[in-house]
C-alpha atoms as a PDB file:
ATOM      1  CA  MET A   1       0.000   0.000   0.000  1.00  0.00           C
ATOM      2  CA  HIS A   2       1.368   3.422  -0.976  1.00  0.00           C
ATOM      3  CA  GLU A   3       2.048   5.922   1.786  1.00  0.00           C
ATOM      4  CA  SER A   4      -0.651   8.254   0.454  1.00  0.00           C
ATOM      5  CA  GLU A   5      -3.217   5.448   0.585  1.00  0.00           C
ATOM      6  CA  LEU A   6      -2.122   4.503   4.091  1.00  0.00           C
ATOM      7  CA  SER A   7      -2.362   8.117   5.217  1.00  0.00           C
ATOM      8  CA  ALA A   8      -5.843   8.483   3.732  1.00  0.00           C
ATOM      9  CA  LEU A   9      -6.987   5.300   5.463  1.00  0.00           C
ATOM     10  CA  PHE A  10      -5.565   6.483   8.764  1.00  0.00           C
ATOM     11  CA  GLU A  11      -7.343   9.838   8.470  1.00  0.00           C
ATOM     12  CA  THR A  12     -10.590   7.970   7.871  1.00  0.00           C
ATOM     13  CA  GLU A  13     -10.063   5.965  11.061  1.00  0.00           C
ATOM     14  CA  ARG A  14      -8.679   8.844  13.102  1.00  0.00           C
ATOM     15  CA  PRO A  15     -11.971  10.213  14.545  1.00  0.00           C
ATOM     16  CA  ARG A  16     -12.985   6.736  15.717  1.00  0.00           C
ATOM     17  CA  LEU A  17      -9.572   6.079  17.245  1.00  0.00           C
ATOM     18  CA  LEU A  18      -9.643   9.445  19.013  1.00  0.00           C
ATOM     19  CA  ALA A  19     -13.075   8.684  20.408  1.00  0.00           C
ATOM     20  CA  ILE A  20     -11.959   5.285  21.721  1.00  0.00           C
ATOM     21  CA  ALA A  21      -8.782   6.681  23.287  1.00  0.00           C
ATOM     22  CA  ASP A  22     -10.613   9.630  24.827  1.00  0.00           C
ATOM     23  CA  ARG A  23     -13.239   7.366  26.345  1.00  0.00           C
ATOM     24  CA  VAL A  24     -10.633   5.036  27.814  1.00  0.00           C
ATOM     25  CA  LEU A  25      -8.225   7.719  29.038  1.00  0.00           C
ATOM     26  CA  GLY A  26     -10.720  10.472  29.825  1.00  0.00           C
ATOM     27  CA  SER A  27      -8.339  12.969  28.231  1.00  0.00           C
ATOM     28  CA  PRO A  28      -8.620  14.444  24.721  1.00  0.00           C
ATOM     29  CA  ALA A  29      -4.975  15.529  24.907  1.00  0.00           C
ATOM     30  CA  GLY A  30      -3.887  12.033  25.925  1.00  0.00           C
ATOM     31  CA  ALA A  31      -6.027  10.586  23.146  1.00  0.00           C
ATOM     32  CA  GLU A  32      -4.291  12.801  20.576  1.00  0.00           C
ATOM     33  CA  ASP A  33      -0.884  11.587  21.769  1.00  0.00           C
ATOM     34  CA  VAL A  34      -1.903   7.937  21.624  1.00  0.00           C
ATOM     35  CA  VAL A  35      -3.415   8.179  18.149  1.00  0.00           C
ATOM     36  CA  GLN A  36      -0.383  10.065  16.852  1.00  0.00           C
ATOM     37  CA  GLU A  37       1.893   7.341  18.241  1.00  0.00           C
ATOM     38  CA  ALA A  38      -0.260   4.713  16.514  1.00  0.00           C
ATOM     39  CA  TRP A  39       0.189   6.553  13.210  1.00  0.00           C
ATOM     40  CA  LEU A  40       3.962   6.735  13.672  1.00  0.00           C
ATOM     41  CA  ARG A  41       4.089   2.996  14.291  1.00  0.00           C
ATOM     42  CA  LEU A  42       1.941   2.296  11.241  1.00  0.00           C
ATOM     43  CA  ALA A  43       3.978   4.605   9.016  1.00  0.00           C
ATOM     44  CA  SER A  44       7.235   2.995  10.162  1.00  0.00           C
ATOM     45  CA  LEU A  45       6.187  -0.479   9.039  1.00  0.00           C
ATOM     46  CA  PRO A  46       7.876  -1.737   5.874  1.00  0.00           C
ATOM     47  CA  GLY A  47       5.595  -2.014   2.867  1.00  0.00           C
ATOM     48  CA  SER A  48       5.461  -5.771   3.209  1.00  0.00           C
ATOM     49  CA  GLY A  49       4.522  -5.416   6.863  1.00  0.00           C
ATOM     50  CA  THR A  50       1.325  -3.431   6.334  1.00  0.00           C
ATOM     51  CA  PRO A  51      -1.446  -5.340   8.143  1.00  0.00           C
ATOM     52  CA  ASP A  52      -4.267  -6.828   6.099  1.00  0.00           C
ATOM     53  CA  ASN A  53      -6.838  -5.129   8.334  1.00  0.00           C
ATOM     54  CA  VAL A  54      -5.394  -1.712   9.083  1.00  0.00           C
ATOM     55  CA  ALA A  55      -8.431  -0.552  11.072  1.00  0.00           C
ATOM     56  CA  ALA A  56      -8.266  -3.548  13.420  1.00  0.00           C
ATOM     57  CA  TRP A  57      -4.483  -3.168  13.761  1.00  0.00           C
ATOM     58  CA  LEU A  58      -4.860   0.489  14.700  1.00  0.00           C
ATOM     59  CA  THR A  59      -7.578  -0.343  17.222  1.00  0.00           C
ATOM     60  CA  THR A  60      -5.284  -2.883  18.867  1.00  0.00           C
ATOM     61  CA  VAL A  61      -2.320  -0.499  18.992  1.00  0.00           C
ATOM     62  CA  VAL A  62      -4.397   2.387  20.360  1.00  0.00           C
ATOM     63  CA  THR A  63      -5.998   0.124  22.964  1.00  0.00           C
ATOM     64  CA  ARG A  64      -2.675  -1.225  24.189  1.00  0.00           C
ATOM     65  CA  LEU A  65      -1.117   2.227  24.297  1.00  0.00           C
ATOM     66  CA  CYS A  66      -4.071   3.403  26.380  1.00  0.00           C
ATOM     67  CA  LEU A  67      -3.593   0.507  28.791  1.00  0.00           C
ATOM     68  CA  ASP A  68       0.101   1.355  29.069  1.00  0.00           C
ATOM     69  CA  GLN A  69      -0.800   4.934  29.971  1.00  0.00           C
ATOM     70  CA  LEU A  70      -3.413   3.926  32.518  1.00  0.00           C
ATOM     71  CA  ARG A  71      -1.031   1.573  34.266  1.00  0.00           C
ATOM     72  CA  SER A  72       1.873   3.978  34.270  1.00  0.00           C
ATOM     73  CA  ARG A  73      -0.090   6.548  36.213  1.00  0.00           C
ATOM     74  CA  ARG A  74       1.203   6.579  39.754  1.00  0.00           C
ATOM     75  CA  HIS A  75      -1.939   8.063  41.236  1.00  0.00           C
ATOM     76  CA  VAL A  76      -5.510   7.148  40.379  1.00  0.00           C
ATOM     77  CA  ALA A  77      -7.712  10.183  39.943  1.00  0.00           C
ATOM     78  CA  SER A  78     -10.386  10.495  42.635  1.00  0.00           C
ATOM     79  CA  THR A  79     -13.895   9.677  41.501  1.00  0.00           C
ATOM     80  CA  ASP A  80     -15.062  13.239  42.041  1.00  0.00           C
ATOM     81  CA  GLU A  81     -12.768  14.440  39.267  1.00  0.00           C
ATOM     82  CA  LEU A  82     -14.226  14.362  35.783  1.00  0.00           C
ATOM     83  CA  PRO A  83     -12.029  13.826  32.726  1.00  0.00           C
ATOM     84  CA  GLU A  84     -11.078  16.801  30.612  1.00  0.00           C
ATOM     85  CA  GLN A  85     -13.789  18.119  28.308  1.00  0.00           C
ATOM     86  CA  PRO A  86     -12.895  19.241  24.783  1.00  0.00           C
ATOM     87  CA  ASP A  87     -13.652  22.754  23.629  1.00  0.00           C
ATOM     88  CA  ALA A  88     -17.209  23.172  22.408  1.00  0.00           C
ATOM     89  CA  ALA A  89     -16.200  24.179  18.890  1.00  0.00           C
ATOM     90  CA  SER A  90     -12.979  22.436  18.011  1.00  0.00           C
ATOM     91  CA  GLY A  91     -13.820  20.800  14.731  1.00  0.00           C
ATOM     92  CA  PRO A  92     -15.253  17.566  13.379  1.00  0.00           C
ATOM     93  CA  GLU A  93     -12.932  15.307  15.353  1.00  0.00           C
ATOM     94  CA  ALA A  94     -14.126  16.781  18.643  1.00  0.00           C
ATOM     95  CA  ASP A  95     -17.691  16.534  17.354  1.00  0.00           C
ATOM     96  CA  ALA A  96     -17.175  12.817  16.800  1.00  0.00           C
ATOM     97  CA  VAL A  97     -15.934  12.461  20.357  1.00  0.00           C
ATOM     98  CA  LEU A  98     -18.805  14.536  21.716  1.00  0.00           C
ATOM     99  CA  ALA A  99     -21.374  12.589  19.736  1.00  0.00           C
ATOM    100  CA  ASP A 100     -20.280   9.406  21.474  1.00  0.00           C
ATOM    101  CA  ARG A 101     -19.388  10.878  24.870  1.00  0.00           C
ATOM    102  CA  VAL A 102     -21.282   9.291  27.721  1.00  0.00           C
ATOM    103  CA  ASP A 103     -22.853  11.493  30.394  1.00  0.00           C
ATOM    104  CA  ALA A 104     -20.867  12.737  33.369  1.00  0.00           C
ATOM    105  CA  ALA A 105     -22.167  10.086  35.757  1.00  0.00           C
ATOM    106  CA  MET A 106     -20.996   7.279  33.484  1.00  0.00           C
ATOM    107  CA  LEU A 107     -17.611   8.929  33.043  1.00  0.00           C
ATOM    108  CA  VAL A 108     -17.144   8.972  36.798  1.00  0.00           C
ATOM    109  CA  VAL A 109     -17.948   5.266  37.068  1.00  0.00           C
ATOM    110  CA  LEU A 110     -15.760   4.404  34.085  1.00  0.00           C
ATOM    111  CA  HIS A 111     -12.815   5.720  36.065  1.00  0.00           C
ATOM    112  CA  THR A 112     -13.589   3.315  38.914  1.00  0.00           C
ATOM    113  CA  LEU A 113     -13.244   0.300  36.615  1.00  0.00           C
ATOM    114  CA  SER A 114      -9.986  -1.556  36.220  1.00  0.00           C
ATOM    115  CA  PRO A 115      -8.185  -0.589  32.989  1.00  0.00           C
ATOM    116  CA  ILE A 116      -8.959  -3.938  31.367  1.00  0.00           C
ATOM    117  CA  GLU A 117     -12.671  -3.754  32.283  1.00  0.00           C
ATOM    118  CA  ARG A 118     -12.868  -0.218  30.957  1.00  0.00           C
ATOM    119  CA  VAL A 119     -11.324  -1.217  27.634  1.00  0.00           C
ATOM    120  CA  ALA A 120     -13.593  -4.251  27.192  1.00  0.00           C
ATOM    121  CA  PHE A 121     -16.680  -2.137  27.897  1.00  0.00           C
ATOM    122  CA  VAL A 122     -15.635   0.804  25.738  1.00  0.00           C
ATOM    123  CA  LEU A 123     -14.666  -1.295  22.730  1.00  0.00           C
ATOM    124  CA  HIS A 124     -17.670  -3.601  22.756  1.00  0.00           C
ATOM    125  CA  ASP A 125     -20.541  -1.680  24.295  1.00  0.00           C
ATOM    126  CA  LEU A 126     -19.724   1.814  23.089  1.00  0.00           C
ATOM    127  CA  PHE A 127     -17.992   1.132  19.770  1.00  0.00           C
ATOM    128  CA  ALA A 128     -19.581  -2.196  18.768  1.00  0.00           C
ATOM    129  CA  VAL A 129     -16.265  -4.017  18.365  1.00  0.00           C
ATOM    130  CA  PRO A 130     -17.133  -7.746  18.309  1.00  0.00           C
ATOM    131  CA  PHE A 131     -16.055  -9.704  21.371  1.00  0.00           C
ATOM    132  CA  GLU A 132     -13.873 -11.876  19.142  1.00  0.00           C
ATOM    133  CA  GLU A 133     -11.827  -8.815  18.144  1.00  0.00           C
ATOM    134  CA  VAL A 134     -11.738  -7.470  21.701  1.00  0.00           C
ATOM    135  CA  ALA A 135     -10.412 -10.841  22.848  1.00  0.00           C
ATOM    136  CA  ALA A 136      -7.651 -10.765  20.233  1.00  0.00           C
ATOM    137  CA  THR A 137      -6.725  -7.213  21.221  1.00  0.00           C
ATOM    138  CA  LEU A 138      -6.478  -8.028  24.930  1.00  0.00           C
ATOM    139  CA  GLY A 139      -5.005 -11.507  24.600  1.00  0.00           C
ATOM    140  CA  ARG A 140      -7.946 -13.100  26.408  1.00  0.00           C
ATOM    141  CA  SER A 141     -10.595 -15.623  25.424  1.00  0.00           C
ATOM    142  CA  GLU A 142     -13.972 -14.426  24.210  1.00  0.00           C
ATOM    143  CA  ALA A 143     -15.586 -15.728  27.401  1.00  0.00           C
ATOM    144  CA  ALA A 144     -13.157 -13.713  29.517  1.00  0.00           C
ATOM    145  CA  VAL A 145     -13.808 -10.412  27.743  1.00  0.00           C
ATOM    146  CA  ARG A 146     -17.554 -11.035  27.917  1.00  0.00           C
ATOM    147  CA  GLN A 147     -17.199 -11.294  31.685  1.00  0.00           C
ATOM    148  CA  LEU A 148     -15.071  -8.140  31.812  1.00  0.00           C
ATOM    149  CA  ALA A 149     -17.708  -6.180  29.906  1.00  0.00           C
ATOM    150  CA  SER A 150     -20.473  -7.664  32.041  1.00  0.00           C
ATOM    151  CA  ARG A 151     -18.736  -6.556  35.231  1.00  0.00           C
ATOM    152  CA  ALA A 152     -18.357  -3.075  33.812  1.00  0.00           C
ATOM    153  CA  ARG A 153     -22.060  -2.896  32.925  1.00  0.00           C
ATOM    154  CA  ARG A 154     -23.066  -3.963  36.407  1.00  0.00           C
ATOM    155  CA  ARG A 155     -20.739  -1.400  37.945  1.00  0.00           C
ATOM    156  CA  LEU A 156     -22.312   1.261  35.752  1.00  0.00           C
ATOM    157  CA  ARG A 157     -25.730   0.209  37.068  1.00  0.00           C
ATOM    158  CA  GLY A 158     -24.448   0.716  40.599  1.00  0.00           C
ATOM    159  CA  ALA A 159     -23.946  -2.938  41.527  1.00  0.00           C
ATOM    160  CA  ASP A 160     -21.558  -3.818  44.354  1.00  0.00           C
ATOM    161  CA  LEU A 161     -19.230  -6.524  43.048  1.00  0.00           C
ATOM    162  CA  GLU A 162     -17.479  -7.259  46.344  1.00  0.00           C
ATOM    163  CA  ALA A 163     -19.667 -10.292  47.082  1.00  0.00           C
ATOM    164  CA  GLU A 164     -18.950 -11.608  43.591  1.00  0.00           C
ATOM    165  CA  ARG A 165     -15.248 -10.916  44.063  1.00  0.00           C
ATOM    166  CA  ARG A 166     -15.249 -12.912  47.320  1.00  0.00           C
ATOM    167  CA  GLU A 167     -17.101 -15.825  45.712  1.00  0.00           C
ATOM    168  CA  HIS A 168     -14.683 -15.773  42.775  1.00  0.00           C
ATOM    169  CA  ARG A 169     -11.709 -15.914  45.146  1.00  0.00           C
ATOM    170  CA  ALA A 170     -13.242 -18.753  47.168  1.00  0.00           C
ATOM    171  CA  VAL A 171     -13.807 -20.835  44.024  1.00  0.00           C
ATOM    172  CA  VAL A 172     -10.321 -20.184  42.632  1.00  0.00           C
ATOM    173  CA  ASP A 173      -8.635 -20.867  45.985  1.00  0.00           C
ATOM    174  CA  ALA A 174     -10.582 -24.114  46.349  1.00  0.00           C
ATOM    175  CA  PHE A 175      -9.633 -25.148  42.810  1.00  0.00           C
ATOM    176  CA  LEU A 176      -5.925 -24.488  43.373  1.00  0.00           C
ATOM    177  CA  ALA A 177      -5.987 -26.346  46.692  1.00  0.00           C
ATOM    178  CA  ALA A 178      -7.692 -29.332  45.065  1.00  0.00           C
ATOM    179  CA  ALA A 179      -5.180 -29.276  42.203  1.00  0.00           C
ATOM    180  CA  ARG A 180      -2.193 -29.247  44.566  1.00  0.00           C
ATOM    181  CA  GLY A 181      -3.723 -32.007  46.670  1.00  0.00           C
ATOM    182  CA  GLY A 182      -4.638 -34.198  43.717  1.00  0.00           C
ATOM    183  CA  ASP A 183      -8.295 -34.162  44.804  1.00  0.00           C
ATOM    184  CA  LEU A 184      -9.952 -35.070  41.500  1.00  0.00           C
ATOM    185  CA  PRO A 185     -13.553 -35.272  42.825  1.00  0.00           C
ATOM    186  CA  ARG A 186     -13.216 -31.784  44.303  1.00  0.00           C
ATOM    187  CA  LEU A 187     -11.756 -30.436  41.060  1.00  0.00           C
ATOM    188  CA  LEU A 188     -14.659 -31.864  39.089  1.00  0.00           C
ATOM    189  CA  SER A 189     -17.164 -30.347  41.508  1.00  0.00           C
ATOM    190  CA  LEU A 190     -15.769 -26.852  40.864  1.00  0.00           C
ATOM    191  CA  LEU A 191     -15.933 -27.058  37.068  1.00  0.00           C
ATOM    192  CA  ALA A 192     -19.006 -26.304  34.969  1.00  0.00           C
ATOM    193  CA  PRO A 193     -20.063 -29.108  32.583  1.00  0.00           C
ATOM    194  CA  GLY A 194     -19.005 -27.104  29.522  1.00  0.00           C
ATOM    195  CA  VAL A 195     -15.793 -25.704  31.013  1.00  0.00           C
ATOM    196  CA  ALA A 196     -13.041 -24.888  28.526  1.00  0.00           C
ATOM    197  CA  LEU A 197      -9.298 -24.381  28.888  1.00  0.00           C
ATOM    198  CA  HIS A 198      -7.881 -21.934  26.327  1.00  0.00           C
ATOM    199  CA  ALA A 199      -4.215 -21.295  25.559  1.00  0.00           C
ATOM    200  CA  ASP A 200      -2.769 -18.398  23.602  1.00  0.00           C
ATOM    201  CA  PRO A 201      -0.191 -19.182  20.873  1.00  0.00           C
ATOM    202  CA  ALA A 202       2.669 -18.757  23.343  1.00  0.00           C
ATOM    203  CA  GLY A 203       0.986 -21.175  25.721  1.00  0.00           C
ATOM    204  CA  ALA A 204       0.302 -23.615  22.909  1.00  0.00           C
ATOM    205  CA  SER A 205       3.989 -23.534  21.972  1.00  0.00           C
ATOM    206  CA  MET A 206       4.727 -24.677  25.534  1.00  0.00           C
ATOM    207  CA  GLY A 207       2.647 -27.793  24.995  1.00  0.00           C
ATOM    208  CA  ALA A 208      -0.664 -26.528  26.351  1.00  0.00           C
ATOM    209  CA  ASP A 209      -3.703 -27.634  24.413  1.00  0.00           C
ATOM    210  CA  VAL A 210      -7.317 -26.526  24.287  1.00  0.00           C
ATOM    211  CA  ARG A 211      -9.501 -28.765  26.427  1.00  0.00           C
ATOM    212  CA  THR A 212     -13.232 -28.841  26.979  1.00  0.00           C
ATOM    213  CA  GLY A 213     -15.340 -30.664  29.540  1.00  0.00           C
ATOM    214  CA  GLN A 214     -14.900 -31.311  33.238  1.00  0.00           C
ATOM    215  CA  GLU A 215     -12.817 -34.470  32.966  1.00  0.00           C
ATOM    216  CA  ALA A 216     -10.376 -33.110  30.382  1.00  0.00           C
ATOM    217  CA  VAL A 217      -9.769 -29.846  32.239  1.00  0.00           C
ATOM    218  CA  ALA A 218      -9.562 -31.497  35.655  1.00  0.00           C
ATOM    219  CA  ASP A 219      -7.021 -33.987  34.310  1.00  0.00           C
ATOM    220  CA  ARG A 220      -4.839 -31.096  33.109  1.00  0.00           C
ATOM    221  CA  PHE A 221      -4.666 -29.569  36.609  1.00  0.00           C
ATOM    222  CA  ASN A 222      -4.917 -32.623  38.855  1.00  0.00           C
ATOM    223  CA  GLY A 223      -1.741 -32.773  40.947  1.00  0.00           C
ATOM    224  CA  ALA A 224      -0.366 -29.522  39.508  1.00  0.00           C
ATOM    225  CA  ARG A 225       1.668 -27.642  42.102  1.00  0.00           C
ATOM    226  CA  GLY A 226       3.387 -24.981  40.006  1.00  0.00           C
ATOM    227  CA  ALA A 227       0.656 -22.339  39.942  1.00  0.00           C
ATOM    228  CA  MET A 228       0.552 -19.851  42.801  1.00  0.00           C
ATOM    229  CA  PRO A 229      -2.391 -17.651  43.796  1.00  0.00           C
ATOM    230  CA  VAL A 230      -2.136 -14.094  42.491  1.00  0.00           C
ATOM    231  CA  THR A 231      -4.413 -11.162  41.886  1.00  0.00           C
ATOM    232  CA  VAL A 232      -4.869 -10.120  38.261  1.00  0.00           C
ATOM    233  CA  ASP A 233      -6.630  -6.824  37.606  1.00  0.00           C
ATOM    234  CA  GLY A 234      -8.152  -6.985  41.066  1.00  0.00           C
ATOM    235  CA  TRP A 235      -9.505 -10.559  40.856  1.00  0.00           C
ATOM    236  CA  ALA A 236      -8.137 -13.833  42.204  1.00  0.00           C
ATOM    237  CA  ASN A 237      -6.351 -15.948  39.614  1.00  0.00           C
ATOM    238  CA  ALA A 238      -3.129 -17.949  39.392  1.00  0.00           C
ATOM    239  CA  ALA A 239       0.298 -17.749  37.793  1.00  0.00           C
ATOM    240  CA  TRP A 240       3.400 -19.787  37.161  1.00  0.00           C
ATOM    241  CA  VAL A 241       6.375 -17.803  38.436  1.00  0.00           C
ATOM    242  CA  HIS A 242      10.016 -18.432  37.510  1.00  0.00           C
ATOM    243  CA  HIS A 243      12.868 -16.428  39.028  1.00  0.00           C
ATOM    244  CA  ARG A 244      10.307 -14.088  40.557  1.00  0.00           C
ATOM    245  CA  GLU A 245       8.732 -13.216  37.202  1.00  0.00           C
ATOM    246  CA  VAL A 246       5.309 -14.257  35.964  1.00  0.00           C
ATOM    247  CA  LYS A 247       5.721 -16.501  32.940  1.00  0.00           C
ATOM    248  CA  VAL A 248       2.155 -17.794  32.622  1.00  0.00           C
ATOM    249  CA  ALA A 249      -1.121 -16.432  33.956  1.00  0.00           C
ATOM    250  CA  PHE A 250      -4.165 -18.629  34.520  1.00  0.00           C
ATOM    251  CA  LEU A 251      -7.314 -16.501  34.359  1.00  0.00           C
ATOM    252  CA  PHE A 252     -10.546 -17.970  35.683  1.00  0.00           C
ATOM    253  CA  THR A 253     -14.088 -17.122  34.606  1.00  0.00           C
ATOM    254  CA  VAL A 254     -16.581 -18.030  37.342  1.00  0.00           C
ATOM    255  CA  ALA A 255     -20.367 -18.096  37.083  1.00  0.00           C
ATOM    256  CA  ASP A 256     -22.851 -19.393  39.650  1.00  0.00           C
ATOM    257  CA  GLY A 257     -20.050 -20.781  41.788  1.00  0.00           C
ATOM    258  CA  LEU A 258     -18.462 -22.836  38.996  1.00  0.00           C
ATOM    259  CA  ILE A 259     -15.468 -22.282  36.728  1.00  0.00           C
ATOM    260  CA  THR A 260     -16.662 -21.944  33.137  1.00  0.00           C
ATOM    261  CA  ASP A 261     -13.408 -20.963  31.396  1.00  0.00           C
ATOM    262  CA  ILE A 262      -9.682 -20.852  32.118  1.00  0.00           C
ATOM    263  CA  ASP A 263      -7.362 -18.743  29.980  1.00  0.00           C
ATOM    264  CA  MET A 264      -3.691 -19.730  29.906  1.00  0.00           C
ATOM    265  CA  VAL A 265      -1.785 -16.602  28.861  1.00  0.00           C
ATOM    266  CA  ALA A 266       1.960 -16.810  28.210  1.00  0.00           C
ATOM    267  CA  ASP A 267       2.512 -14.114  25.597  1.00  0.00           C
ATOM    268  CA  PRO A 268       4.716 -11.413  27.192  1.00  0.00           C
ATOM    269  CA  ALA A 269       2.832  -8.615  25.423  1.00  0.00           C
ATOM    270  CA  SER A 270      -0.462  -9.890  26.818  1.00  0.00           C
ATOM    271  CA  LEU A 271       1.016 -10.324  30.293  1.00  0.00           C
ATOM    272  CA  ASP A 272       2.185  -6.719  30.140  1.00  0.00           C
ATOM    273  CA  LEU A 273      -1.460  -5.641  29.796  1.00  0.00           C
ATOM    274  CA  MET A 274      -2.271  -7.131  33.207  1.00  0.00           C
ATOM    275  CA  GLU A 275      -1.876  -5.791  36.717  1.00  0.00           C
ATOM    276  CA  ILE A 276      -0.519  -8.816  38.579  1.00  0.00           C
ATOM    277  CA  SER A 277       0.324  -8.928  42.260  1.00  0.00           C
ATOM    278  CA  GLY A 278       1.021 -11.654  44.806  1.00  0.00           C
ATOM    279  CA  THR A 279       0.880 -11.739  48.568  1.00  0.00           C
ATOM    280  CA  ALA A 280       4.658 -11.790  48.912  1.00  0.00           C
ATOM    281  CA  ASN A 281       5.487  -8.796  46.748  1.00  0.00           C
ATOM    282  CA  PRO A 282       2.956  -6.488  45.100  1.00  0.00           C
ATOM    283  CA  ASN A 283       5.251  -5.406  42.285  1.00  0.00           C
ATOM    284  CA  ARG A 284       3.798  -6.270  38.902  1.00  0.00           C
ATOM    285  CA  HIS A 285       5.377  -9.300  37.222  1.00  0.00           C
ATOM    286  CA  SER A 286       7.962  -9.635  39.980  1.00  0.00           C
ATOM    287  CA  ILE A 287       6.453 -11.569  42.847  1.00  0.00           C
ATOM    288  CA  GLY A 288       7.644 -14.027  45.413  1.00  0.00           C
ATOM    289  CA  GLU A 289       7.504 -17.703  44.559  1.00  0.00           C
ATOM    290  CA  ASN A 290       5.722 -20.135  46.879  1.00  0.00           C
END
């Protein structure tokens, strides 16, 4: 694709990308920076490296840059602070942002969500990005991003998720204890009939395979002692840690007290999108081994 064609395509996508970045970051200025960085990365690709779906590629890059910004902020803004508002008459790009801007109350709640929940909700619910594409962008399974968006919706409706968070932790802790103890009946009792184990390409290259059904998934974890309990984006999950660094994350989707999906994530870029902490050391991706 010629540079002029690439530039024209980018300009077509630019208002949408700005709107996504502004909604996630709550800052028109920050959104401009992110979208400009996405363009620089696209323009620097060799001709043979131009992605087949430029729009989807740009969405992924903008999303991941937004997550990087959110997680590099040392201080979380208090919920009584609203994001910046663009000038009332600043051109068609600002109009596109304003046309999609949620009301002030929703903006406040959006800033109480974890970065990953916010992105899942913004992409799918506000910009109609299919869950399949959101999953590819975030390095999660489709089931996992559906749960992320669902949590965000419930938070926006004013739901208190602490009870759900406690139940999730209890189920995950029980599953890990049963796995370490080789308690197959207990493992089976914690898995939904249609449970699925997903592995990203990096996980698959390590020998992990996709498994479905209680018996197949339970067999994969029965007797496993390598995974340690960690918190990922505020929810209980597990990780394999080597030399104090997270190499693999195991992300659990829980519904009605049963595990419905487990994502095995080993891709470093996907791990970098997560906020991971353990009881021994809260530093991300550098936690004490059990």
